[in-house]
């Protein structure tokens, strides 16, 4: 689902997720490492353990380059 296809009821949540993502993206390249991903999930009070975070990161990092972008994160976070 692209950002354009996210239902309007999620628009505020999506904007907040983008802001949170940007706040942990220290070098501003639009991608985060696992350490930044952990900070992001902690900031969102996900309640996930580190092993669960690692599983989530692997699910999102489909090209296995050790970085994920905001779109990938939002799609993962908002999926059922």
N, C-alpha and C. Protein backbone atom coordinates (compact mmCIF):
# COMPACT_ATOMS: atom_id res chain seq x y z
N UNK A 1 0.85 -1.17 0.00
CA UNK A 1 0.00 0.00 0.00
C UNK A 1 0.90 1.23 0.00
N UNK A 2 0.70 2.11 -0.95
CA UNK A 2 1.49 3.33 -0.98
C UNK A 2 0.88 4.35 -0.04
N UNK A 3 1.66 5.36 0.30
CA UNK A 3 1.17 6.41 1.20
C UNK A 3 -0.10 7.03 0.63
N UNK A 4 -0.19 7.15 -0.69
CA UNK A 4 -1.37 7.73 -1.32
C UNK A 4 -2.60 6.86 -1.11
N UNK A 5 -2.41 5.57 -0.90
CA UNK A 5 -3.53 4.65 -0.73
C UNK A 5 -3.91 4.42 0.73
N UNK A 6 -3.20 5.04 1.66
CA UNK A 6 -3.53 4.87 3.07
C UNK A 6 -4.82 5.62 3.34
N UNK A 7 -5.80 4.96 3.95
CA UNK A 7 -7.08 5.62 4.23
C UNK A 7 -6.87 6.90 5.04
N UNK A 8 -7.75 7.88 4.83
CA UNK A 8 -7.59 9.18 5.46
C UNK A 8 -7.59 9.09 6.98
N UNK A 9 -8.26 8.11 7.55
CA UNK A 9 -8.26 7.99 9.01
C UNK A 9 -6.87 7.69 9.55
N UNK A 10 -5.97 7.22 8.69
CA UNK A 10 -4.60 6.97 9.11
C UNK A 10 -3.66 8.13 8.80
N UNK A 11 -4.18 9.18 8.14
CA UNK A 11 -3.31 10.27 7.69
C UNK A 11 -2.53 10.89 8.85
N UNK A 12 -3.20 11.20 9.95
CA UNK A 12 -2.52 11.81 11.09
C UNK A 12 -1.49 10.84 11.66
N UNK A 13 -1.86 9.57 11.77
CA UNK A 13 -0.92 8.57 12.26
C UNK A 13 0.29 8.47 11.34
N UNK A 14 0.05 8.49 10.04
CA UNK A 14 1.13 8.40 9.07
C UNK A 14 2.06 9.61 9.20
N UNK A 15 1.49 10.78 9.34
CA UNK A 15 2.32 11.99 9.52
C UNK A 15 3.16 11.87 10.78
N UNK A 16 2.56 11.39 11.84
CA UNK A 16 3.31 11.22 13.10
C UNK A 16 4.42 10.18 12.93
N UNK A 17 4.13 9.10 12.24
CA UNK A 17 5.15 8.08 12.00
C UNK A 17 6.31 8.66 11.18
N UNK A 18 5.99 9.47 10.19
CA UNK A 18 7.06 10.11 9.39
C UNK A 18 7.93 11.01 10.26
N UNK A 19 7.29 11.78 11.16
CA UNK A 19 8.05 12.66 12.06
C UNK A 19 8.94 11.85 12.99
N UNK A 20 8.39 10.78 13.54
CA UNK A 20 9.18 9.92 14.44
C UNK A 20 10.35 9.29 13.68
N UNK A 21 10.08 8.83 12.47
CA UNK A 21 11.12 8.22 11.65
C UNK A 21 12.24 9.24 11.41
N UNK A 22 11.87 10.44 11.00
CA UNK A 22 12.86 11.49 10.72
C UNK A 22 13.67 11.83 11.96
N UNK A 23 13.06 11.76 13.13
CA UNK A 23 13.77 12.13 14.35
C UNK A 23 14.88 11.14 14.71
N UNK A 24 14.77 9.90 14.27
CA UNK A 24 15.83 8.92 14.55
C UNK A 24 16.78 8.73 13.37
N UNK A 25 16.44 9.28 12.22
CA UNK A 25 17.28 9.18 11.02
C UNK A 25 18.39 10.23 11.14
N UNK A 26 19.43 9.89 11.87
CA UNK A 26 20.47 10.85 12.25
C UNK A 26 21.17 11.50 11.07
N UNK A 27 21.43 10.76 10.00
CA UNK A 27 22.14 11.36 8.87
C UNK A 27 21.20 11.91 7.80
N UNK A 28 19.91 11.77 8.02
CA UNK A 28 18.92 12.36 7.12
C UNK A 28 18.85 11.76 5.73
N UNK A 29 19.28 10.50 5.58
CA UNK A 29 19.27 9.88 4.26
C UNK A 29 17.95 9.18 3.94
N UNK A 30 16.98 9.25 4.86
CA UNK A 30 15.69 8.63 4.61
C UNK A 30 15.65 7.15 4.90
N UNK A 31 16.73 6.63 5.52
CA UNK A 31 16.81 5.21 5.85
C UNK A 31 17.37 5.08 7.26
N UNK A 32 16.97 4.02 7.95
CA UNK A 32 17.47 3.81 9.31
C UNK A 32 18.11 2.43 9.45
N UNK A 33 19.10 2.39 10.32
CA UNK A 33 19.77 1.14 10.68
C UNK A 33 18.95 0.43 11.76
N UNK A 34 19.39 -0.75 12.16
CA UNK A 34 18.68 -1.45 13.22
C UNK A 34 18.70 -0.65 14.52
N UNK A 35 19.84 -0.04 14.86
CA UNK A 35 19.91 0.75 16.09
C UNK A 35 18.92 1.90 16.07
N UNK A 36 18.79 2.57 14.93
CA UNK A 36 17.82 3.66 14.80
C UNK A 36 16.39 3.11 14.84
N UNK A 37 16.19 1.96 14.25
CA UNK A 37 14.89 1.29 14.27
C UNK A 37 14.47 1.00 15.71
N UNK A 38 15.42 0.52 16.52
CA UNK A 38 15.13 0.27 17.94
C UNK A 38 14.70 1.56 18.64
N UNK A 39 15.41 2.64 18.37
CA UNK A 39 15.05 3.94 18.96
C UNK A 39 13.65 4.36 18.52
N UNK A 40 13.34 4.13 17.25
CA UNK A 40 12.03 4.46 16.71
C UNK A 40 10.94 3.68 17.43
N UNK A 41 11.12 2.38 17.56
CA UNK A 41 10.11 1.55 18.22
C UNK A 41 9.99 1.89 19.71
N UNK A 42 11.11 2.19 20.35
CA UNK A 42 11.06 2.61 21.75
C UNK A 42 10.29 3.91 21.88
N UNK A 43 10.52 4.85 20.97
CA UNK A 43 9.82 6.14 20.99
C UNK A 43 8.33 5.99 20.74
N UNK A 44 7.97 4.97 19.98
CA UNK A 44 6.55 4.70 19.70
C UNK A 44 5.93 3.81 20.78
N UNK A 45 6.73 3.50 21.79
CA UNK A 45 6.28 2.64 22.89
C UNK A 45 5.66 1.35 22.37
N UNK A 46 6.41 0.68 21.50
CA UNK A 46 5.91 -0.53 20.85
C UNK A 46 5.74 -1.70 21.82
N UNK A 47 6.54 -1.72 22.88
CA UNK A 47 6.48 -2.83 23.81
C UNK A 47 7.16 -4.09 23.30
N UNK A 48 7.86 -3.98 22.17
CA UNK A 48 8.55 -5.13 21.60
C UNK A 48 9.89 -5.35 22.30
N UNK A 49 10.24 -6.62 22.47
CA UNK A 49 11.56 -6.95 23.01
C UNK A 49 12.59 -6.78 21.89
N UNK A 50 13.87 -6.78 22.24
CA UNK A 50 14.89 -6.65 21.19
C UNK A 50 14.83 -7.81 20.19
N UNK A 51 14.65 -9.06 20.65
CA UNK A 51 14.51 -10.14 19.65
C UNK A 51 13.31 -9.93 18.71
N UNK A 52 12.20 -9.43 19.24
CA UNK A 52 11.03 -9.14 18.40
C UNK A 52 11.34 -8.01 17.42
N UNK A 53 12.10 -7.02 17.90
CA UNK A 53 12.50 -5.91 17.02
C UNK A 53 13.37 -6.43 15.88
N UNK A 54 14.27 -7.35 16.19
CA UNK A 54 15.14 -7.92 15.15
C UNK A 54 14.32 -8.65 14.10
N UNK A 55 13.32 -9.39 14.54
CA UNK A 55 12.43 -10.10 13.61
C UNK A 55 11.71 -9.08 12.73
N UNK A 56 11.16 -8.05 13.35
CA UNK A 56 10.47 -7.00 12.59
C UNK A 56 11.38 -6.33 11.59
N UNK A 57 12.60 -6.02 12.01
CA UNK A 57 13.55 -5.36 11.11
C UNK A 57 13.85 -6.25 9.91
N UNK A 58 14.04 -7.53 10.15
CA UNK A 58 14.30 -8.47 9.04
C UNK A 58 13.10 -8.54 8.08
N UNK A 59 11.88 -8.47 8.65
CA UNK A 59 10.69 -8.48 7.80
C UNK A 59 10.65 -7.26 6.89
N UNK A 60 11.04 -6.12 7.42
CA UNK A 60 10.98 -4.87 6.66
C UNK A 60 12.14 -4.75 5.68
N UNK A 61 13.32 -5.21 6.08
CA UNK A 61 14.54 -5.08 5.27
C UNK A 61 14.60 -6.21 4.24
N UNK A 62 13.72 -6.14 3.26
CA UNK A 62 13.60 -7.23 2.30
C UNK A 62 14.82 -7.39 1.40
N UNK A 63 15.56 -6.30 1.16
CA UNK A 63 16.76 -6.43 0.32
C UNK A 63 18.01 -6.75 1.13
N UNK A 64 17.83 -6.87 2.43
CA UNK A 64 18.90 -7.29 3.36
C UNK A 64 20.15 -6.40 3.30
N UNK A 65 19.94 -5.09 3.14
CA UNK A 65 21.09 -4.19 3.11
C UNK A 65 21.36 -3.54 4.47
N UNK A 66 20.56 -3.94 5.49
CA UNK A 66 20.78 -3.42 6.84
C UNK A 66 20.18 -2.06 7.08
N UNK A 67 19.33 -1.58 6.16
CA UNK A 67 18.69 -0.28 6.29
C UNK A 67 17.25 -0.40 5.79
N UNK A 68 16.35 0.38 6.38
CA UNK A 68 14.97 0.42 5.90
C UNK A 68 14.55 1.86 5.70
N UNK A 69 13.63 2.07 4.76
CA UNK A 69 13.17 3.44 4.52
C UNK A 69 11.82 3.67 5.20
N UNK A 70 11.40 4.91 5.20
CA UNK A 70 10.19 5.30 5.90
C UNK A 70 8.95 4.62 5.34
N UNK A 71 8.84 4.53 4.03
CA UNK A 71 7.68 3.89 3.42
C UNK A 71 7.57 2.44 3.86
N UNK A 72 8.69 1.73 3.84
CA UNK A 72 8.69 0.33 4.26
C UNK A 72 8.26 0.22 5.72
N UNK A 73 8.79 1.11 6.55
CA UNK A 73 8.44 1.08 7.96
C UNK A 73 6.96 1.32 8.17
N UNK A 74 6.42 2.35 7.54
CA UNK A 74 4.99 2.68 7.72
C UNK A 74 4.10 1.53 7.25
N UNK A 75 4.44 0.93 6.12
CA UNK A 75 3.66 -0.20 5.62
C UNK A 75 3.68 -1.34 6.63
N UNK A 76 4.85 -1.62 7.22
CA UNK A 76 4.96 -2.69 8.21
C UNK A 76 4.19 -2.33 9.48
N UNK A 77 4.37 -1.12 9.97
CA UNK A 77 3.75 -0.69 11.23
C UNK A 77 2.23 -0.69 11.14
N UNK A 78 1.69 -0.32 9.97
CA UNK A 78 0.24 -0.18 9.83
C UNK A 78 -0.43 -1.43 9.27
N UNK A 79 0.36 -2.47 8.95
CA UNK A 79 -0.24 -3.70 8.43
C UNK A 79 -0.92 -4.48 9.55
N UNK A 80 -1.88 -5.27 9.16
CA UNK A 80 -2.62 -6.07 10.15
C UNK A 80 -1.92 -7.37 10.45
